[in-house]
Structures are given as C-alpha cells and as structure tokens.
PDB file of N, CA and C in Angstrom:
ATOM      1  N   MET A   1     131.424 142.657 147.708  1.00  0.00           N
ATOM      2  CA  MET A   1     130.340 142.868 148.647  1.00  0.00           C
ATOM      3  C   MET A   1     129.277 143.797 148.065  1.00  0.00           C
ATOM      4  N   GLY A   2     129.646 144.723 147.222  1.00  0.00           N
ATOM      5  CA  GLY A   2     128.689 145.671 146.658  1.00  0.00           C
ATOM      6  C   GLY A   2     127.616 144.980 145.840  1.00  0.00           C
ATOM      7  N   ILE A   3     128.003 143.997 145.046  1.00  0.00           N
ATOM      8  CA  ILE A   3     127.056 143.268 144.201  1.00  0.00           C
ATOM      9  C   ILE A   3     126.098 142.455 145.081  1.00  0.00           C
ATOM     10  N   LYS A   4     126.662 141.834 146.128  1.00  0.00           N
ATOM     11  CA  LYS A   4     125.847 141.007 147.016  1.00  0.00           C
ATOM     12  C   LYS A   4     124.764 141.855 147.684  1.00  0.00           C
ATOM     13  N   ASN A   5     125.135 143.011 148.179  1.00  0.00           N
ATOM     14  CA  ASN A   5     124.162 143.903 148.816  1.00  0.00           C
ATOM     15  C   ASN A   5     123.137 144.425 147.807  1.00  0.00           C
ATOM     16  N   PHE A   6     123.608 144.686 146.582  1.00  0.00           N
ATOM     17  CA  PHE A   6     122.702 145.152 145.538  1.00  0.00           C
ATOM     18  C   PHE A   6     121.596 144.126 145.290  1.00  0.00           C
ATOM     19  N   PHE A   7     121.999 142.860 145.104  1.00  0.00           N
ATOM     20  CA  PHE A   7     121.016 141.813 144.844  1.00  0.00           C
ATOM     21  C   PHE A   7     120.133 141.549 146.063  1.00  0.00           C
ATOM     22  N   LYS A   8     120.709 141.656 147.247  1.00  0.00           N
ATOM     23  CA  LYS A   8     119.940 141.469 148.469  1.00  0.00           C
ATOM     24  C   LYS A   8     118.837 142.520 148.557  1.00  0.00           C
ATOM     25  N   LYS A   9     119.218 143.765 148.277  1.00  0.00           N
ATOM     26  CA  LYS A   9     118.239 144.859 148.301  1.00  0.00           C
ATOM     27  C   LYS A   9     117.206 144.689 147.190  1.00  0.00           C
ATOM     28  N   ALA A  10     117.652 144.297 146.008  1.00  0.00           N
ATOM     29  CA  ALA A  10     116.743 144.126 144.881  1.00  0.00           C
ATOM     30  C   ALA A  10     115.706 143.043 145.180  1.00  0.00           C
ATOM     31  N   PHE A  11     116.147 141.903 145.709  1.00  0.00           N
ATOM     32  CA  PHE A  11     115.212 140.826 146.021  1.00  0.00           C
ATOM     33  C   PHE A  11     114.290 141.208 147.175  1.00  0.00           C
ATOM     34  N   SER A  12     114.803 141.971 148.112  1.00  0.00           N
ATOM     35  CA  SER A  12     113.968 142.449 149.214  1.00  0.00           C
ATOM     36  C   SER A  12     112.868 143.382 148.678  1.00  0.00           C
ATOM     37  N   ASP A  13     113.239 144.279 147.754  1.00  0.00           N
ATOM     38  CA  ASP A  13     112.263 145.177 147.140  1.00  0.00           C
ATOM     39  C   ASP A  13     111.213 144.388 146.355  1.00  0.00           C
ATOM     40  N   MET A  14     111.654 143.375 145.629  1.00  0.00           N
ATOM     41  CA  MET A  14     110.714 142.552 144.858  1.00  0.00           C
ATOM     42  C   MET A  14     109.745 141.831 145.784  1.00  0.00           C
ATOM     43  N   LYS A  15     110.234 141.374 146.925  1.00  0.00           N
ATOM     44  CA  LYS A  15     109.387 140.678 147.889  1.00  0.00           C
ATOM     45  C   LYS A  15     108.324 141.627 148.439  1.00  0.00           C
ATOM     46  N   GLU A  16     108.736 142.855 148.771  1.00  0.00           N
ATOM     47  CA  GLU A  16     107.788 143.845 149.278  1.00  0.00           C
ATOM     48  C   GLU A  16     106.749 144.205 148.214  1.00  0.00           C
ATOM     49  N   ASP A  17     107.209 144.366 146.969  1.00  0.00           N
ATOM     50  CA  ASP A  17     106.293 144.677 145.879  1.00  0.00           C
ATOM     51  C   ASP A  17     105.299 143.542 145.652  1.00  0.00           C
ATOM     52  N   ALA A  18     105.761 142.312 145.753  1.00  0.00           N
ATOM     53  CA  ALA A  18     104.875 141.160 145.577  1.00  0.00           C
ATOM     54  C   ALA A  18     103.818 141.120 146.677  1.00  0.00           C
ATOM     55  N   LYS A  19     104.218 141.424 147.912  1.00  0.00           N
ATOM     56  CA  LYS A  19     103.262 141.462 149.022  1.00  0.00           C
ATOM     57  C   LYS A  19     102.218 142.555 148.793  1.00  0.00           C
ATOM     58  N   ALA A  20     102.691 143.731 148.377  1.00  0.00           N
ATOM     59  CA  ALA A  20     101.768 144.846 148.136  1.00  0.00           C
ATOM     60  C   ALA A  20     100.803 144.511 146.995  1.00  0.00           C
ATOM     61  N   GLN A  21     101.304 143.905 145.920  1.00  0.00           N
ATOM     62  CA  GLN A  21     100.451 143.536 144.796  1.00  0.00           C
ATOM     63  C   GLN A  21      99.441 142.474 145.214  1.00  0.00           C
ATOM     64  N   HIS A  22      99.859 141.574 146.094  1.00  0.00           N
ATOM     65  CA  HIS A  22      98.943 140.556 146.596  1.00  0.00           C
ATOM     66  C   HIS A  22      97.781 141.196 147.348  1.00  0.00           C
ATOM     67  N   GLU A  23      98.072 142.224 148.140  1.00  0.00           N
ATOM     68  CA  GLU A  23      97.016 142.937 148.864  1.00  0.00           C
ATOM     69  C   GLU A  23      96.053 143.609 147.884  1.00  0.00           C
ATOM     70  N   VAL A  24      96.609 144.204 146.827  1.00  0.00           N
ATOM     71  CA  VAL A  24      95.771 144.835 145.798  1.00  0.00           C
ATOM     72  C   VAL A  24      94.890 143.786 145.136  1.00  0.00           C
ATOM     73  N   ASP A  25      95.468 142.644 144.800  1.00  0.00           N
ATOM     74  CA  ASP A  25      94.712 141.561 144.164  1.00  0.00           C
ATOM     75  C   ASP A  25      93.600 141.044 145.075  1.00  0.00           C
ATOM     76  N   LYS A  26      93.897 140.900 146.365  1.00  0.00           N
ATOM     77  CA  LYS A  26      92.872 140.451 147.313  1.00  0.00           C
ATOM     78  C   LYS A  26      91.725 141.451 147.377  1.00  0.00           C
ATOM     79  N   ALA A  27      92.051 142.745 147.407  1.00  0.00           N
ATOM     80  CA  ALA A  27      91.016 143.777 147.473  1.00  0.00           C
ATOM     81  C   ALA A  27      90.174 143.781 146.194  1.00  0.00           C
ATOM     82  N   ASN A  28      90.823 143.662 145.040  1.00  0.00           N
ATOM     83  CA  ASN A  28      90.090 143.613 143.772  1.00  0.00           C
ATOM     84  C   ASN A  28      89.194 142.394 143.691  1.00  0.00           C
ATOM     85  N   PHE A  29      89.681 141.255 144.166  1.00  0.00           N
ATOM     86  CA  PHE A  29      88.880 140.034 144.161  1.00  0.00           C
ATOM     87  C   PHE A  29      87.663 140.188 145.061  1.00  0.00           C
ATOM     88  N   ALA A  30      87.868 140.760 146.236  1.00  0.00           N
ATOM     89  CA  ALA A  30      86.745 140.965 147.159  1.00  0.00           C
ATOM     90  C   ALA A  30      85.713 141.915 146.548  1.00  0.00           C
ATOM     91  N   ALA A  31      86.173 142.957 145.872  1.00  0.00           N
ATOM     92  CA  ALA A  31      85.255 143.895 145.234  1.00  0.00           C
ATOM     93  C   ALA A  31      84.480 143.218 144.110  1.00  0.00           C
ATOM     94  N   ALA A  32      85.157 142.440 143.286  1.00  0.00           N
ATOM     95  CA  ALA A  32      84.485 141.730 142.193  1.00  0.00           C
ATOM     96  C   ALA A  32      83.470 140.736 142.738  1.00  0.00           C
ATOM     97  N   LYS A  33      83.823 140.074 143.816  1.00  0.00           N
ATOM     98  CA  LYS A  33      82.917 139.109 144.439  1.00  0.00           C
ATOM     99  C   LYS A  33      81.664 139.816 144.969  1.00  0.00           C
ATOM    100  N   ALA A  34      81.850 140.957 145.622  1.00  0.00           N
ATOM    101  CA  ALA A  34      80.721 141.714 146.160  1.00  0.00           C
ATOM    102  C   ALA A  34      79.836 142.247 145.030  1.00  0.00           C
ATOM    103  N   GLU A  35      80.455 142.747 143.956  1.00  0.00           N
ATOM    104  CA  GLU A  35      79.682 143.245 142.823  1.00  0.00           C
ATOM    105  C   GLU A  35      78.868 142.127 142.186  1.00  0.00           C
ATOM    106  N   SER A  36      79.480 140.956 142.051  1.00  0.00           N
ATOM    107  CA  SER A  36      78.794 139.808 141.473  1.00  0.00           C
ATOM    108  C   SER A  36      77.593 139.412 142.320  1.00  0.00           C
ATOM    109  N   LYS A  37      77.777 139.402 143.621  1.00  0.00           N
ATOM    110  CA  LYS A  37      76.678 139.054 144.526  1.00  0.00           C
ATOM    111  C   LYS A  37      75.564 140.089 144.440  1.00  0.00           C
ATOM    112  N   ALA A  38      75.931 141.368 144.352  1.00  0.00           N
ATOM    113  CA  ALA A  38      74.928 142.428 144.235  1.00  0.00           C
ATOM    114  C   ALA A  38      74.138 142.292 142.940  1.00  0.00           C
ATOM    115  N   GLN A  39      74.821 141.993 141.842  1.00  0.00           N
ATOM    116  CA  GLN A  39      74.137 141.812 140.567  1.00  0.00           C
ATOM    117  C   GLN A  39      73.177 140.623 140.634  1.00  0.00           C
ATOM    118  N   PHE A  40      73.601 139.547 141.277  1.00  0.00           N
ATOM    119  CA  PHE A  40      72.743 138.382 141.427  1.00  0.00           C
ATOM    120  C   PHE A  40      71.497 138.738 142.238  1.00  0.00           C
ATOM    121  N   LYS A  41      71.696 139.440 143.351  1.00  0.00           N
ATOM    122  CA  LYS A  41      70.555 139.824 144.195  1.00  0.00           C
ATOM    123  C   LYS A  41      69.603 140.748 143.439  1.00  0.00           C
ATOM    124  N   GLU A  42      70.155 141.685 142.647  1.00  0.00           N
ATOM    125  CA  GLU A  42      69.310 142.579 141.860  1.00  0.00           C
ATOM    126  C   GLU A  42      68.511 141.800 140.826  1.00  0.00           C
ATOM    127  N   ALA A  43      69.161 140.864 140.156  1.00  0.00           N
ATOM    128  CA  ALA A  43      68.469 140.054 139.148  1.00  0.00           C
ATOM    129  C   ALA A  43      67.378 139.208 139.803  1.00  0.00           C
ATOM    130  N   LYS A  44      67.679 138.675 140.962  1.00  0.00           N
ATOM    131  CA  LYS A  44      66.701 137.872 141.687  1.00  0.00           C
ATOM    132  C   LYS A  44      65.517 138.739 142.122  1.00  0.00           C
ATOM    133  N   ALA A  45      65.802 139.960 142.569  1.00  0.00           N
ATOM    134  CA  ALA A  45      64.741 140.872 143.008  1.00  0.00           C
ATOM    135  C   ALA A  45      63.859 141.303 141.838  1.00  0.00           C
ATOM    136  N   MET A  46      64.432 141.390 140.651  1.00  0.00           N
ATOM    137  CA  MET A  46      63.651 141.792 139.482  1.00  0.00           C
ATOM    138  C   MET A  46      62.603 140.731 139.136  1.00  0.00           C
ATOM    139  N   GLY A  47      62.752 139.537 139.650  1.00  0.00           N
ATOM    140  CA  GLY A  47      61.761 138.492 139.431  1.00  0.00           C
ATOM    141  C   GLY A  47      60.469 138.759 140.179  1.00  0.00           C
ATOM    142  N   LYS A  48      60.529 139.563 141.207  1.00  0.00           N
ATOM    143  CA  LYS A  48      59.338 139.918 141.978  1.00  0.00           C
ATOM    144  C   LYS A  48      58.697 141.127 141.312  1.00  0.00           C
ATOM    145  N   SER A  49      57.420 141.022 141.036  1.00  0.00           N
ATOM    146  CA  SER A  49      56.752 142.088 140.288  1.00  0.00           C
ATOM    147  C   SER A  49      56.731 143.409 141.049  1.00  0.00           C
ATOM    148  N   GLU A  50      56.530 143.385 142.370  1.00  0.00           N
ATOM    149  CA  GLU A  50      56.473 144.654 143.107  1.00  0.00           C
ATOM    150  C   GLU A  50      57.834 145.349 143.123  1.00  0.00           C
ATOM    151  N   THR A  51      58.898 144.583 143.220  1.00  0.00           N
ATOM    152  CA  THR A  51      60.243 145.167 143.189  1.00  0.00           C
ATOM    153  C   THR A  51      60.537 145.749 141.818  1.00  0.00           C
ATOM    154  N   ARG A  52      60.206 144.975 140.776  1.00  0.00           N
ATOM    155  CA  ARG A  52      60.439 145.437 139.408  1.00  0.00           C
ATOM    156  C   ARG A  52      59.642 146.709 139.127  1.00  0.00           C
ATOM    157  N   LYS A  53      58.383 146.753 139.570  1.00  0.00           N
ATOM    158  CA  LYS A  53      57.548 147.935 139.354  1.00  0.00           C
ATOM    159  C   LYS A  53      58.131 149.153 140.064  1.00  0.00           C
ATOM    160  N   ALA A  54      58.611 148.957 141.282  1.00  0.00           N
ATOM    161  CA  ALA A  54      59.187 150.065 142.042  1.00  0.00           C
ATOM    162  C   ALA A  54      60.448 150.595 141.364  1.00  0.00           C
ATOM    163  N   ILE A  55      61.279 149.699 140.880  1.00  0.00           N
ATOM    164  CA  ILE A  55      62.516 150.120 140.206  1.00  0.00           C
ATOM    165  C   ILE A  55      62.196 150.847 138.907  1.00  0.00           C
ATOM    166  N   MET A  56      61.250 150.309 138.158  1.00  0.00           N
ATOM    167  CA  MET A  56      60.872 150.944 136.888  1.00  0.00           C
ATOM    168  C   MET A  56      60.252 152.319 137.140  1.00  0.00           C
ATOM    169  N   GLN A  57      59.433 152.450 138.186  1.00  0.00           N
ATOM    170  CA  GLN A  57      58.835 153.748 138.505  1.00  0.00           C
ATOM    171  C   GLN A  57      59.906 154.755 138.902  1.00  0.00           C
ATOM    172  N   GLU A  58      60.899 154.301 139.645  1.00  0.00           N
ATOM    173  CA  GLU A  58      62.000 155.183 140.043  1.00  0.00           C
ATOM    174  C   GLU A  58      62.758 155.674 138.810  1.00  0.00           C
ATOM    175  N   ARG A  59      63.010 154.784 137.856  1.00  0.00           N
ATOM    176  CA  ARG A  59      63.692 155.179 136.620  1.00  0.00           C
ATOM    177  C   ARG A  59      62.853 156.191 135.835  1.00  0.00           C
ATOM    178  N   ARG A  60      61.543 155.950 135.756  1.00  0.00           N
ATOM    179  CA  ARG A  60      60.668 156.885 135.032  1.00  0.00           C
ATOM    180  C   ARG A  60      60.658 158.251 135.714  1.00  0.00           C
ATOM    181  N   ASP A  61      60.608 158.248 137.050  1.00  0.00           N
ATOM    182  CA  ASP A  61      60.631 159.515 137.789  1.00  0.00           C
ATOM    183  C   ASP A  61      61.915 160.298 137.519  1.00  0.00           C
ATOM    184  N   GLU A  62      63.045 159.590 137.463  1.00  0.00           N
ATOM    185  CA  GLU A  62      64.320 160.249 137.158  1.00  0.00           C
ATOM    186  C   GLU A  62      64.310 160.832 135.756  1.00  0.00           C
ATOM    187  N   GLN A  63      63.746 160.096 134.794  1.00  0.00           N
ATOM    188  CA  GLN A  63      63.680 160.583 133.415  1.00  0.00           C
ATOM    189  C   GLN A  63      62.775 161.798 133.306  1.00  0.00           C
ATOM    190  N   ILE A  64      61.651 161.780 134.024  1.00  0.00           N
ATOM    191  CA  ILE A  64      60.736 162.926 134.011  1.00  0.00           C
ATOM    192  C   ILE A  64      61.415 164.148 134.613  1.00  0.00           C
ATOM    193  N   ALA A  65      62.128 163.956 135.728  1.00  0.00           N
ATOM    194  CA  ALA A  65      62.826 165.065 136.372  1.00  0.00           C
ATOM    195  C   ALA A  65      63.884 165.650 135.433  1.00  0.00           C
ATOM    196  N   GLU A  66      64.619 164.799 134.744  1.00  0.00           N
ATOM    197  CA  GLU A  66      65.645 165.263 133.802  1.00  0.00           C
ATOM    198  C   GLU A  66      64.995 166.031 132.650  1.00  0.00           C
ATOM    199  N   ALA A  67      63.878 165.520 132.126  1.00  0.00           N
ATOM    200  CA  ALA A  67      63.184 166.200 131.032  1.00  0.00           C
ATOM    201  C   ALA A  67      62.655 167.558 131.475  1.00  0.00           C
ATOM    202  N   ASN A  68      62.112 167.627 132.685  1.00  0.00           N
ATOM    203  CA  ASN A  68      61.613 168.911 133.205  1.00  0.00           C
ATOM    204  C   ASN A  68      62.750 169.914 133.388  1.00  0.00           C
ATOM    205  N   LYS A  69      63.890 169.440 133.819  1.00  0.00           N
ATOM    206  CA  LYS A  69      65.053 170.306 133.993  1.00  0.00           C
ATOM    207  C   LYS A  69      65.501 170.868 132.639  1.00  0.00           C
ATOM    208  N   ARG A  70      65.562 169.992 131.616  1.00  0.00           N
ATOM    209  CA  ARG A  70      65.961 170.447 130.274  1.00  0.00           C
ATOM    210  C   ARG A  70      64.952 171.439 129.715  1.00  0.00           C
ATOM    211  N   LYS A  71      63.655 171.204 129.973  1.00  0.00           N
ATOM    212  CA  LYS A  71      62.611 172.109 129.500  1.00  0.00           C
ATOM    213  C   LYS A  71      62.747 173.468 130.170  1.00  0.00           C
ATOM    214  N   ALA A  72      63.002 173.481 131.481  1.00  0.00           N
ATOM    215  CA  ALA A  72      63.162 174.733 132.209  1.00  0.00           C
ATOM    216  C   ALA A  72      64.368 175.516 131.683  1.00  0.00           C
ATOM    217  N   GLU A  73      65.461 174.812 131.396  1.00  0.00           N
ATOM    218  CA  GLU A  73      66.636 175.488 130.844  1.00  0.00           C
ATOM    219  C   GLU A  73      66.337 176.071 129.468  1.00  0.00           C
ATOM    220  N   ALA A  74      65.606 175.327 128.641  1.00  0.00           N
ATOM    221  CA  ALA A  74      65.252 175.826 127.308  1.00  0.00           C
ATOM    222  C   ALA A  74      64.320 177.020 127.416  1.00  0.00           C
ATOM    223  N   ASP A  75      63.343 176.961 128.332  1.00  0.00           N
ATOM    224  CA  ASP A  75      62.433 178.090 128.530  1.00  0.00           C
ATOM    225  C   ASP A  75      63.191 179.333 128.986  1.00  0.00           C
ATOM    226  N   ALA A  76      64.195 179.142 129.849  1.00  0.00           N
ATOM    227  CA  ALA A  76      64.995 180.274 130.321  1.00  0.00           C
ATOM    228  C   ALA A  76      65.775 180.893 129.165  1.00  0.00           C
ATOM    229  N   ARG A  77      66.308 180.064 128.277  1.00  0.00           N
ATOM    230  CA  ARG A  77      67.027 180.586 127.103  1.00  0.00           C
ATOM    231  C   ARG A  77      66.081 181.337 126.180  1.00  0.00           C
ATOM    232  N   ILE A  78      64.866 180.805 125.991  1.00  0.00           N
ATOM    233  CA  ILE A  78      63.879 181.477 125.137  1.00  0.00           C
ATOM    234  C   ILE A  78      63.505 182.814 125.756  1.00  0.00           C
ATOM    235  N   GLU A  79      63.244 182.833 127.043  1.00  0.00           N
ATOM    236  CA  GLU A  79      62.863 184.072 127.726  1.00  0.00           C
ATOM    237  C   GLU A  79      63.980 185.113 127.624  1.00  0.00           C
ATOM    238  N   LYS A  80      65.206 184.665 127.754  1.00  0.00           N
ATOM    239  CA  LYS A  80      66.359 185.580 127.678  1.00  0.00           C
ATOM    240  C   LYS A  80      66.455 186.210 126.292  1.00  0.00           C
ATOM    241  N   LEU A  81      66.177 185.423 125.264  1.00  0.00           N
ATOM    242  CA  LEU A  81      66.258 185.938 123.899  1.00  0.00           C
ATOM    243  C   LEU A  81      65.046 186.770 123.511  1.00  0.00           C
ATOM    244  N   SER A  82      63.931 186.612 124.195  1.00  0.00           N
ATOM    245  CA  SER A  82      62.709 187.346 123.882  1.00  0.00           C
ATOM    246  C   SER A  82      62.749 188.781 124.368  1.00  0.00           C
ATOM    247  N   LYS A  83      63.616 189.115 125.252  1.00  0.00           N
ATOM    248  CA  LYS A  83      63.687 190.473 125.823  1.00  0.00           C
ATOM    249  C   LYS A  83      64.326 191.445 124.890  1.00  0.00           C
TER     250      LYS A  83
END
C-alpha cells in the first residue's frame, strides 16, 4: 500500500504542477500578445507625421534634460574643487 499511495501522491502533485504551469503559460502568452499589439500600434502611429514628430520631440527633450543634469553635476564638482 505504501508504494501505491506514493505514486498516487506523486501523480497528483504532477497534475497540480501542470495546471499551475498552464496558468503561467497562459499569462505569458497574453502578455506577449499584448506587447505585440502595442508594437504594431506604435509602428502604425509612427506613419503619421504629427505622431512621429511628437515622439521625436519628447525623446529630444529627455536627452536635453539628461545633458543639463550631467552639466549641473559637473559644474558642482568643479565648484567644489575650486574652493
């Protein structure tokens, strides 16, 4: 009887693990599907000149902000060493 119960429990555990993995797979598939759709919509939107211009301007603004931040940090280091 010990062996029978062992295998019964083992197969029951495998069944539960398979169900749990199936849920993970479904969630991953849904996420990949949503990401794919988002990429398609973004690519489609880039075909419109006003959308593309707005996105490019936003990227440039972020780059300018980052450059200004780095410049301010460098100026602070220079000022600290000048004293």
